[in-house]
Amino acid sequence: MKYKAEELVSIIIDCYKSSSDVKSYIHMMLEPESTENQLFDEAKKKIEHQFFPDRGHPKLKLSEAKKAISEFGKLCNNQARTIDLMIYYVELGVSFTNSYGDIDEPFYYSMESMYQNALNKIRTDSGSGLYHLFRDRLKGIVRDTDGMGWGFHDQLAGMFYEFAADYEDDIE
């Protein structure tokens, strides 16, 4: 099939108008840095909204928060910022638990799974730059979960210290 330039432009405009994903993709192609910053901020806000909305009670639709991370990762392909969002998700989960008390096992499983996914992404980095970039936050999550139920702290501590052993000789 061959299309004239005008037909292709018309198709692109229709796609742009009908899909926010296409719109974001086109913006990423044309203005990558500013669009990535905007998408990162939007993703953080979507994640935060599930735990600590500006108004009303938390919805805790964790699938919506995870979707924001996934969409950002696909559109921007920025490993460090995607990991940042993953860690932010877990940090908010820990903060939520500290604010509202013990939650349930599926909630903790989701936090543990996201934490492990972040560690796995860091592990794919050829050097230790991402580990050193996120070490303090990863360690802080373990520290801040001390005393939480469902074995949450123990699970995260085990994940972190096993992971960190690959990067450090002496782990505190």
N, C-alpha and C. Protein backbone atom coordinates (compact mmCIF):
# COMPACT_ATOMS: atom_id res chain seq x y z
N MET A 1 0.82 -1.18 0.00
CA MET A 1 0.00 0.00 0.00
C MET A 1 0.87 1.24 0.00
N LYS A 2 0.51 2.16 -0.81
CA LYS A 2 1.20 3.44 -0.84
C LYS A 2 0.21 4.54 -0.51
N TYR A 3 0.66 5.44 0.34
CA TYR A 3 -0.16 6.57 0.72
C TYR A 3 0.53 7.86 0.32
N LYS A 4 -0.28 8.83 0.03
CA LYS A 4 0.26 10.16 -0.23
C LYS A 4 0.60 10.81 1.10
N ALA A 5 1.51 11.77 1.07
CA ALA A 5 1.94 12.46 2.29
C ALA A 5 0.75 13.06 3.04
N GLU A 6 -0.18 13.63 2.31
CA GLU A 6 -1.35 14.25 2.96
C GLU A 6 -2.19 13.21 3.70
N GLU A 7 -2.31 12.01 3.11
CA GLU A 7 -3.09 10.95 3.75
C GLU A 7 -2.40 10.48 5.03
N LEU A 8 -1.09 10.34 4.97
CA LEU A 8 -0.35 9.93 6.17
C LEU A 8 -0.46 10.97 7.28
N VAL A 9 -0.35 12.24 6.91
CA VAL A 9 -0.49 13.31 7.90
C VAL A 9 -1.88 13.26 8.53
N SER A 10 -2.89 13.03 7.72
CA SER A 10 -4.26 12.94 8.21
C SER A 10 -4.41 11.76 9.19
N ILE A 11 -3.81 10.63 8.86
CA ILE A 11 -3.87 9.45 9.74
C ILE A 11 -3.17 9.75 11.06
N ILE A 12 -2.00 10.36 10.99
CA ILE A 12 -1.25 10.70 12.21
C ILE A 12 -2.06 11.66 13.08
N ILE A 13 -2.66 12.66 12.47
CA ILE A 13 -3.46 13.63 13.23
C ILE A 13 -4.65 12.93 13.90
N ASP A 14 -5.32 12.05 13.18
CA ASP A 14 -6.44 11.31 13.76
C ASP A 14 -6.00 10.46 14.95
N CYS A 15 -4.86 9.78 14.79
CA CYS A 15 -4.32 8.96 15.88
C CYS A 15 -3.96 9.84 17.08
N TYR A 16 -3.33 10.96 16.80
CA TYR A 16 -2.91 11.90 17.84
C TYR A 16 -4.12 12.36 18.65
N LYS A 17 -5.21 12.67 17.96
CA LYS A 17 -6.41 13.17 18.62
C LYS A 17 -7.15 12.08 19.40
N SER A 18 -7.05 10.85 18.92
CA SER A 18 -7.87 9.79 19.51
C SER A 18 -7.18 9.00 20.62
N SER A 19 -5.86 9.11 20.74
CA SER A 19 -5.17 8.27 21.72
C SER A 19 -4.13 9.07 22.50
N SER A 20 -4.28 9.06 23.83
CA SER A 20 -3.31 9.77 24.66
C SER A 20 -1.93 9.09 24.59
N ASP A 21 -1.91 7.77 24.37
CA ASP A 21 -0.63 7.07 24.23
C ASP A 21 0.11 7.52 22.97
N VAL A 22 -0.63 7.64 21.87
CA VAL A 22 -0.03 8.11 20.61
C VAL A 22 0.45 9.55 20.79
N LYS A 23 -0.35 10.35 21.44
CA LYS A 23 0.01 11.75 21.69
C LYS A 23 1.33 11.81 22.49
N SER A 24 1.42 11.03 23.54
CA SER A 24 2.65 11.01 24.35
C SER A 24 3.83 10.51 23.53
N TYR A 25 3.60 9.48 22.74
CA TYR A 25 4.68 8.93 21.90
C TYR A 25 5.20 9.98 20.93
N ILE A 26 4.29 10.69 20.28
CA ILE A 26 4.70 11.72 19.32
C ILE A 26 5.46 12.84 20.03
N HIS A 27 4.98 13.23 21.20
CA HIS A 27 5.69 14.26 21.96
C HIS A 27 7.09 13.78 22.36
N MET A 28 7.19 12.49 22.71
CA MET A 28 8.50 11.94 23.07
C MET A 28 9.45 12.00 21.88
N MET A 29 8.93 11.78 20.70
CA MET A 29 9.77 11.83 19.50
C MET A 29 10.21 13.26 19.18
N LEU A 30 9.32 14.22 19.43
CA LEU A 30 9.61 15.60 19.05
C LEU A 30 10.34 16.39 20.14
N GLU A 31 9.97 16.17 21.38
CA GLU A 31 10.57 16.89 22.50
C GLU A 31 10.87 15.90 23.63
N PRO A 32 11.88 15.07 23.45
CA PRO A 32 12.09 13.97 24.40
C PRO A 32 12.33 14.39 25.86
N GLU A 33 13.18 15.38 26.07
CA GLU A 33 13.53 15.71 27.46
C GLU A 33 12.36 16.30 28.23
N SER A 34 11.71 17.32 27.68
CA SER A 34 10.60 17.94 28.42
C SER A 34 9.41 16.99 28.55
N THR A 35 9.18 16.19 27.52
CA THR A 35 8.07 15.23 27.58
C THR A 35 8.36 14.16 28.63
N GLU A 36 9.59 13.68 28.69
CA GLU A 36 9.94 12.67 29.70
C GLU A 36 9.76 13.23 31.10
N ASN A 37 10.19 14.46 31.33
CA ASN A 37 10.01 15.08 32.64
C ASN A 37 8.54 15.17 33.00
N GLN A 38 7.73 15.58 32.04
CA GLN A 38 6.30 15.70 32.28
C GLN A 38 5.67 14.33 32.56
N LEU A 39 6.02 13.33 31.77
CA LEU A 39 5.47 11.99 31.98
C LEU A 39 5.90 11.39 33.31
N PHE A 40 7.14 11.67 33.71
CA PHE A 40 7.65 11.19 35.00
C PHE A 40 6.83 11.81 36.14
N ASP A 41 6.64 13.12 36.07
CA ASP A 41 5.86 13.81 37.12
C ASP A 41 4.42 13.30 37.15
N GLU A 42 3.83 13.07 35.99
CA GLU A 42 2.47 12.55 35.92
C GLU A 42 2.39 11.14 36.52
N ALA A 43 3.38 10.31 36.21
CA ALA A 43 3.38 8.94 36.75
C ALA A 43 3.51 8.98 38.27
N LYS A 44 4.40 9.82 38.79
CA LYS A 44 4.55 9.93 40.25
C LYS A 44 3.24 10.35 40.89
N LYS A 45 2.56 11.29 40.27
CA LYS A 45 1.29 11.79 40.81
C LYS A 45 0.24 10.68 40.80
N LYS A 46 0.19 9.89 39.73
CA LYS A 46 -0.77 8.79 39.65
C LYS A 46 -0.50 7.74 40.73
N ILE A 47 0.77 7.46 40.97
CA ILE A 47 1.13 6.49 42.01
C ILE A 47 0.73 7.04 43.38
N GLU A 48 1.13 8.27 43.64
CA GLU A 48 0.82 8.89 44.93
C GLU A 48 -0.69 8.94 45.18
N HIS A 49 -1.46 9.22 44.13
CA HIS A 49 -2.91 9.34 44.26
C HIS A 49 -3.55 8.06 44.81
N GLN A 50 -3.00 6.92 44.49
CA GLN A 50 -3.56 5.66 44.96
C GLN A 50 -3.35 5.47 46.47
N PHE A 51 -2.28 6.03 46.99
CA PHE A 51 -1.96 5.89 48.41
C PHE A 51 -2.43 7.09 49.24
N PHE A 52 -2.16 8.28 48.73
CA PHE A 52 -2.45 9.52 49.45
C PHE A 52 -3.08 10.54 48.51
N PRO A 53 -4.37 10.39 48.20
CA PRO A 53 -5.02 11.33 47.28
C PRO A 53 -5.14 12.72 47.92
N ASP A 54 -5.23 13.72 47.08
CA ASP A 54 -5.40 15.09 47.57
C ASP A 54 -6.70 15.23 48.36
N ARG A 55 -7.74 14.53 47.91
CA ARG A 55 -9.04 14.57 48.59
C ARG A 55 -9.59 13.16 48.71
N GLY A 56 -10.34 12.96 49.74
CA GLY A 56 -11.01 11.67 49.91
C GLY A 56 -10.10 10.61 50.51
N HIS A 57 -10.63 9.42 50.55
CA HIS A 57 -9.91 8.29 51.13
C HIS A 57 -9.07 7.60 50.06
N PRO A 58 -7.99 6.96 50.48
CA PRO A 58 -7.16 6.22 49.51
C PRO A 58 -7.97 5.12 48.83
N LYS A 59 -7.75 4.97 47.53
CA LYS A 59 -8.43 3.92 46.77
C LYS A 59 -7.61 2.63 46.79
N LEU A 60 -6.30 2.76 46.87
CA LEU A 60 -5.38 1.62 46.85
C LEU A 60 -5.61 0.71 45.65
N LYS A 61 -5.88 1.30 44.50
CA LYS A 61 -5.95 0.52 43.27
C LYS A 61 -4.51 0.38 42.79
N LEU A 62 -3.85 -0.62 43.33
CA LEU A 62 -2.42 -0.81 43.05
C LEU A 62 -2.18 -1.07 41.58
N SER A 63 -3.16 -1.66 40.91
CA SER A 63 -2.99 -1.91 39.48
C SER A 63 -2.87 -0.60 38.71
N GLU A 64 -3.54 0.45 39.16
CA GLU A 64 -3.43 1.76 38.51
C GLU A 64 -2.04 2.35 38.71
N ALA A 65 -1.50 2.20 39.90
CA ALA A 65 -0.15 2.69 40.18
C ALA A 65 0.88 1.92 39.36
N LYS A 66 0.71 0.61 39.28
CA LYS A 66 1.64 -0.21 38.49
C LYS A 66 1.53 0.10 37.01
N LYS A 67 0.33 0.39 36.56
CA LYS A 67 0.12 0.75 35.16
C LYS A 67 0.86 2.04 34.83
N ALA A 68 0.86 3.01 35.74
CA ALA A 68 1.57 4.27 35.52
C ALA A 68 3.06 4.02 35.34
N ILE A 69 3.61 3.11 36.13
CA ILE A 69 5.03 2.76 36.03
C ILE A 69 5.31 2.09 34.69
N SER A 70 4.48 1.13 34.35
CA SER A 70 4.65 0.39 33.10
C SER A 70 4.56 1.30 31.88
N GLU A 71 3.56 2.18 31.86
CA GLU A 71 3.40 3.09 30.74
C GLU A 71 4.59 4.02 30.60
N PHE A 72 5.07 4.54 31.74
CA PHE A 72 6.24 5.41 31.68
C PHE A 72 7.44 4.65 31.11
N GLY A 73 7.65 3.43 31.60
CA GLY A 73 8.78 2.63 31.13
C GLY A 73 8.74 2.36 29.64
N LYS A 74 7.55 2.08 29.12
CA LYS A 74 7.40 1.80 27.69
C LYS A 74 7.64 3.05 26.85
N LEU A 75 7.07 4.17 27.27
CA LEU A 75 7.17 5.39 26.48
C LEU A 75 8.57 6.01 26.53
N CYS A 76 9.19 5.99 27.70
CA CYS A 76 10.43 6.74 27.88
C CYS A 76 11.68 5.88 27.79
N ASN A 77 11.54 4.61 28.09
CA ASN A 77 12.69 3.70 28.04
C ASN A 77 13.88 4.24 28.83
N ASN A 78 13.60 4.84 29.98
CA ASN A 78 14.64 5.36 30.86
C ASN A 78 14.70 4.45 32.08
N GLN A 79 15.71 3.60 32.12
CA GLN A 79 15.84 2.58 33.17
C GLN A 79 15.89 3.20 34.56
N ALA A 80 16.72 4.22 34.75
CA ALA A 80 16.88 4.81 36.07
C ALA A 80 15.58 5.43 36.58
N ARG A 81 14.88 6.13 35.71
CA ARG A 81 13.64 6.77 36.15
C ARG A 81 12.53 5.75 36.37
N THR A 82 12.53 4.67 35.61
CA THR A 82 11.55 3.62 35.83
C THR A 82 11.80 2.97 37.19
N ILE A 83 13.04 2.70 37.51
CA ILE A 83 13.40 2.14 38.81
C ILE A 83 13.01 3.11 39.91
N ASP A 84 13.24 4.39 39.68
CA ASP A 84 12.87 5.42 40.65
C ASP A 84 11.38 5.32 40.97
N LEU A 85 10.54 5.18 39.95
CA LEU A 85 9.10 5.05 40.16
C LEU A 85 8.75 3.77 40.91
N MET A 86 9.45 2.70 40.61
CA MET A 86 9.19 1.43 41.29
C MET A 86 9.50 1.55 42.78
N ILE A 87 10.63 2.16 43.08
CA ILE A 87 11.01 2.36 44.48
C ILE A 87 10.03 3.31 45.16
N TYR A 88 9.62 4.33 44.46
CA TYR A 88 8.65 5.29 45.00
C TYR A 88 7.35 4.58 45.38
N TYR A 89 6.90 3.67 44.54
CA TYR A 89 5.70 2.86 44.80
C TYR A 89 5.84 2.13 46.14
N VAL A 90 6.98 1.48 46.34
CA VAL A 90 7.19 0.73 47.59
C VAL A 90 7.31 1.70 48.77
N GLU A 91 8.02 2.80 48.58
CA GLU A 91 8.14 3.79 49.65
C GLU A 91 6.77 4.29 50.10
N LEU A 92 5.88 4.55 49.14
CA LEU A 92 4.53 5.00 49.49
C LEU A 92 3.75 3.89 50.19
N GLY A 93 3.95 2.64 49.76
CA GLY A 93 3.30 1.52 50.43
C GLY A 93 3.73 1.40 51.88
N VAL A 94 5.02 1.61 52.12
CA VAL A 94 5.55 1.57 53.49
C VAL A 94 5.00 2.74 54.30
N SER A 95 5.01 3.91 53.70
CA SER A 95 4.47 5.10 54.37
C SER A 95 2.99 4.93 54.68
N PHE A 96 2.25 4.33 53.74
CA PHE A 96 0.83 4.08 53.94
C PHE A 96 0.62 3.15 55.13
N THR A 97 1.41 2.10 55.21
CA THR A 97 1.30 1.16 56.32
C THR A 97 1.64 1.84 57.64
N ASN A 98 2.66 2.68 57.63
CA ASN A 98 3.01 3.40 58.86
C ASN A 98 1.92 4.39 59.27
N SER A 99 1.18 4.92 58.30
CA SER A 99 0.10 5.87 58.59
C SER A 99 -1.19 5.18 59.03
N TYR A 100 -1.53 4.04 58.39
CA TYR A 100 -2.83 3.42 58.61
C TYR A 100 -2.79 2.08 59.32
N GLY A 101 -1.61 1.57 59.63
CA GLY A 101 -1.51 0.28 60.29
C GLY A 101 -1.38 -0.87 59.30
N ASP A 102 -1.23 -2.06 59.83
CA ASP A 102 -1.04 -3.24 58.98
C ASP A 102 -2.15 -3.37 57.95
N ILE A 103 -1.76 -3.75 56.75
CA ILE A 103 -2.71 -3.94 55.67
C ILE A 103 -2.92 -5.46 55.56
N ASP A 104 -2.97 -6.00 54.34
CA ASP A 104 -3.19 -7.44 54.19
C ASP A 104 -2.07 -8.06 53.36
N GLU A 105 -2.08 -9.36 53.32
CA GLU A 105 -1.01 -10.10 52.64
C GLU A 105 -0.86 -9.74 51.16
N PRO A 106 -1.96 -9.64 50.38
CA PRO A 106 -1.81 -9.26 48.97
C PRO A 106 -1.13 -7.89 48.79
N PHE A 107 -1.42 -6.96 49.69
CA PHE A 107 -0.79 -5.64 49.64
C PHE A 107 0.73 -5.78 49.80
N TYR A 108 1.14 -6.52 50.82
CA TYR A 108 2.57 -6.70 51.06
C TYR A 108 3.23 -7.49 49.93
N TYR A 109 2.51 -8.45 49.39
CA TYR A 109 3.06 -9.20 48.27
C TYR A 109 3.33 -8.27 47.09
N SER A 110 2.42 -7.35 46.84
CA SER A 110 2.60 -6.38 45.76
C SER A 110 3.83 -5.51 45.99
N MET A 111 4.01 -5.08 47.23
CA MET A 111 5.18 -4.25 47.56
C MET A 111 6.47 -5.06 47.38
N GLU A 112 6.46 -6.29 47.88
CA GLU A 112 7.64 -7.15 47.75
C GLU A 112 7.98 -7.44 46.30
N SER A 113 6.95 -7.69 45.51
CA SER A 113 7.14 -7.98 44.10
C SER A 113 7.74 -6.78 43.36
N MET A 114 7.24 -5.59 43.65
CA MET A 114 7.77 -4.39 43.01
C MET A 114 9.21 -4.13 43.46
N TYR A 115 9.48 -4.35 44.72
CA TYR A 115 10.84 -4.19 45.25
C TYR A 115 11.80 -5.14 44.52
N GLN A 116 11.38 -6.39 44.39
CA GLN A 116 12.21 -7.37 43.69
C GLN A 116 12.40 -6.99 42.23
N ASN A 117 11.36 -6.49 41.59
CA ASN A 117 11.47 -6.06 40.19
C ASN A 117 12.47 -4.90 40.06
N ALA A 118 12.46 -3.99 41.00
CA ALA A 118 13.42 -2.88 40.99
C ALA A 118 14.84 -3.43 41.13
N LEU A 119 15.03 -4.37 42.05
CA LEU A 119 16.36 -4.98 42.23
C LEU A 119 16.80 -5.68 40.94
N ASN A 120 15.88 -6.37 40.30
CA ASN A 120 16.21 -7.07 39.05
C ASN A 120 16.63 -6.10 37.96
N LYS A 121 15.94 -4.97 37.87
CA LYS A 121 16.30 -3.96 36.86
C LYS A 121 17.68 -3.37 37.16
N ILE A 122 17.95 -3.14 38.43
CA ILE A 122 19.26 -2.61 38.81
C ILE A 122 20.35 -3.62 38.45
N ARG A 123 20.05 -4.89 38.68
CA ARG A 123 21.02 -5.96 38.41
C ARG A 123 21.39 -6.01 36.92
N THR A 124 20.49 -5.60 36.04
CA THR A 124 20.80 -5.64 34.61
C THR A 124 21.75 -4.53 34.18
N ASP A 125 21.99 -3.55 35.07
CA ASP A 125 22.94 -2.47 34.77
C ASP A 125 24.34 -3.06 34.72
N SER A 126 25.10 -2.69 33.70
CA SER A 126 26.42 -3.29 33.51
C SER A 126 27.41 -2.93 34.63
N GLY A 127 27.26 -1.76 35.23
CA GLY A 127 28.16 -1.37 36.32
C GLY A 127 27.41 -1.39 37.63
N SER A 128 27.88 -0.60 38.57
CA SER A 128 27.18 -0.53 39.85
C SER A 128 26.57 0.85 40.05
N GLY A 129 26.48 1.63 38.99
CA GLY A 129 25.96 2.99 39.09
C GLY A 129 24.54 3.06 39.61
N LEU A 130 23.65 2.22 39.09
CA LEU A 130 22.27 2.26 39.54
C LEU A 130 22.15 1.77 40.98
N TYR A 131 22.94 0.79 41.35
CA TYR A 131 22.92 0.33 42.73
C TYR A 131 23.27 1.47 43.67
N HIS A 132 24.35 2.16 43.38
CA HIS A 132 24.79 3.25 44.26
C HIS A 132 23.81 4.43 44.22
N LEU A 133 23.14 4.63 43.10
CA LEU A 133 22.15 5.68 42.99
C LEU A 133 20.96 5.42 43.92
N PHE A 134 20.55 4.16 44.03
CA PHE A 134 19.33 3.83 44.77
C PHE A 134 19.57 3.12 46.10
N ARG A 135 20.81 2.81 46.44
CA ARG A 135 21.11 2.03 47.65
C ARG A 135 20.46 2.60 48.91
N ASP A 136 20.60 3.90 49.14
CA ASP A 136 20.08 4.47 50.38
C ASP A 136 18.56 4.36 50.47
N ARG A 137 17.89 4.54 49.35
CA ARG A 137 16.42 4.43 49.37
C ARG A 137 16.00 2.97 49.57
N LEU A 138 16.69 2.04 48.92
CA LEU A 138 16.37 0.62 49.08
C LEU A 138 16.59 0.19 50.53
N LYS A 139 17.67 0.64 51.10
CA LYS A 139 18.00 0.33 52.50
C LYS A 139 16.99 1.00 53.44
N GLY A 140 16.59 2.22 53.10
CA GLY A 140 15.61 2.94 53.91
C GLY A 140 14.28 2.21 53.98
N ILE A 141 13.88 1.61 52.88
CA ILE A 141 12.64 0.84 52.88
C ILE A 141 12.74 -0.31 53.87
N VAL A 142 13.86 -1.01 53.86
CA VAL A 142 14.06 -2.12 54.80
C VAL A 142 14.00 -1.60 56.24
N ARG A 143 14.69 -0.51 56.50
CA ARG A 143 14.72 0.08 57.85
C ARG A 143 13.30 0.48 58.29
N ASP A 144 12.55 1.11 57.38
CA ASP A 144 11.24 1.64 57.73
C ASP A 144 10.16 0.57 57.87
N THR A 145 10.45 -0.65 57.47
CA THR A 145 9.47 -1.73 57.61
C THR A 145 9.66 -2.55 58.87
N ASP A 146 10.68 -2.25 59.64
CA ASP A 146 10.96 -3.01 60.86
C ASP A 146 9.71 -3.02 61.74
N GLY A 147 9.26 -4.19 62.10
CA GLY A 147 8.10 -4.34 62.96
C GLY A 147 6.78 -4.49 62.23
N MET A 148 6.78 -4.39 60.92
CA MET A 148 5.53 -4.57 60.17
C MET A 148 5.17 -6.05 60.08
N GLY A 149 3.88 -6.29 59.91
CA GLY A 149 3.37 -7.66 59.90
C GLY A 149 3.60 -8.43 58.63
N TRP A 150 3.09 -9.66 58.65
CA TRP A 150 3.09 -10.57 57.51
C TRP A 150 4.50 -10.93 57.02
N GLY A 151 5.51 -10.76 57.85
CA GLY A 151 6.88 -11.08 57.44
C GLY A 151 7.44 -10.12 56.40
N PHE A 152 6.79 -8.98 56.27
CA PHE A 152 7.15 -7.99 55.25
C PHE A 152 8.60 -7.53 55.40
N HIS A 153 8.95 -7.12 56.59
CA HIS A 153 10.32 -6.63 56.83
C HIS A 153 11.35 -7.72 56.53
N ASP A 154 11.11 -8.91 57.05
CA ASP A 154 12.07 -10.00 56.86
C ASP A 154 12.27 -10.32 55.39
N GLN A 155 11.18 -10.32 54.64
CA GLN A 155 11.26 -10.61 53.21
C GLN A 155 12.09 -9.55 52.48
N LEU A 156 11.80 -8.28 52.74
CA LEU A 156 12.54 -7.19 52.09
C LEU A 156 14.00 -7.19 52.51
N ALA A 157 14.25 -7.41 53.79
CA ALA A 157 15.63 -7.44 54.28
C ALA A 157 16.41 -8.55 53.60
N GLY A 158 15.80 -9.71 53.49
CA GLY A 158 16.46 -10.83 52.81
C GLY A 158 16.78 -10.50 51.37
N MET A 159 15.82 -9.90 50.69
CA MET A 159 16.04 -9.52 49.28
C MET A 159 17.19 -8.51 49.18
N PHE A 160 17.15 -7.49 50.02
CA PHE A 160 18.14 -6.42 49.91
C PHE A 160 19.54 -6.94 50.22
N TYR A 161 19.71 -7.62 51.33
CA TYR A 161 21.06 -8.02 51.73
C TYR A 161 21.66 -9.07 50.80
N GLU A 162 20.84 -9.95 50.28
CA GLU A 162 21.33 -10.91 49.28
C GLU A 162 21.77 -10.17 48.01
N PHE A 163 20.96 -9.20 47.61
CA PHE A 163 21.25 -8.40 46.42
C PHE A 163 22.49 -7.53 46.64
N ALA A 164 22.55 -6.83 47.76
CA ALA A 164 23.65 -5.89 48.03
C ALA A 164 24.99 -6.60 48.16
N ALA A 165 24.98 -7.87 48.53
CA ALA A 165 26.23 -8.62 48.68
C ALA A 165 27.00 -8.68 47.36
N ASP A 166 26.30 -8.55 46.25
CA ASP A 166 26.96 -8.55 44.94
C ASP A 166 27.73 -7.26 44.68
N TYR A 167 27.40 -6.21 45.44
CA TYR A 167 27.97 -4.89 45.17
C TYR A 167 28.92 -4.41 46.28
N GLU A 168 28.79 -4.96 47.48
CA GLU A 168 29.57 -4.46 48.60
C GLU A 168 30.17 -5.61 49.40
N ASP A 169 31.36 -5.36 49.89
CA ASP A 169 32.02 -6.36 50.73
C ASP A 169 31.48 -6.31 52.15
N ASP A 170 31.21 -5.08 52.62
CA ASP A 170 30.80 -4.87 54.00
C ASP A 170 29.45 -4.17 54.00
N ILE A 171 28.40 -4.90 54.27
CA ILE A 171 27.06 -4.32 54.27
C ILE A 171 26.65 -4.05 55.71
N GLU A 172 26.17 -2.84 55.93
CA GLU A 172 25.75 -2.45 57.29
C GLU A 172 24.42 -3.07 57.62
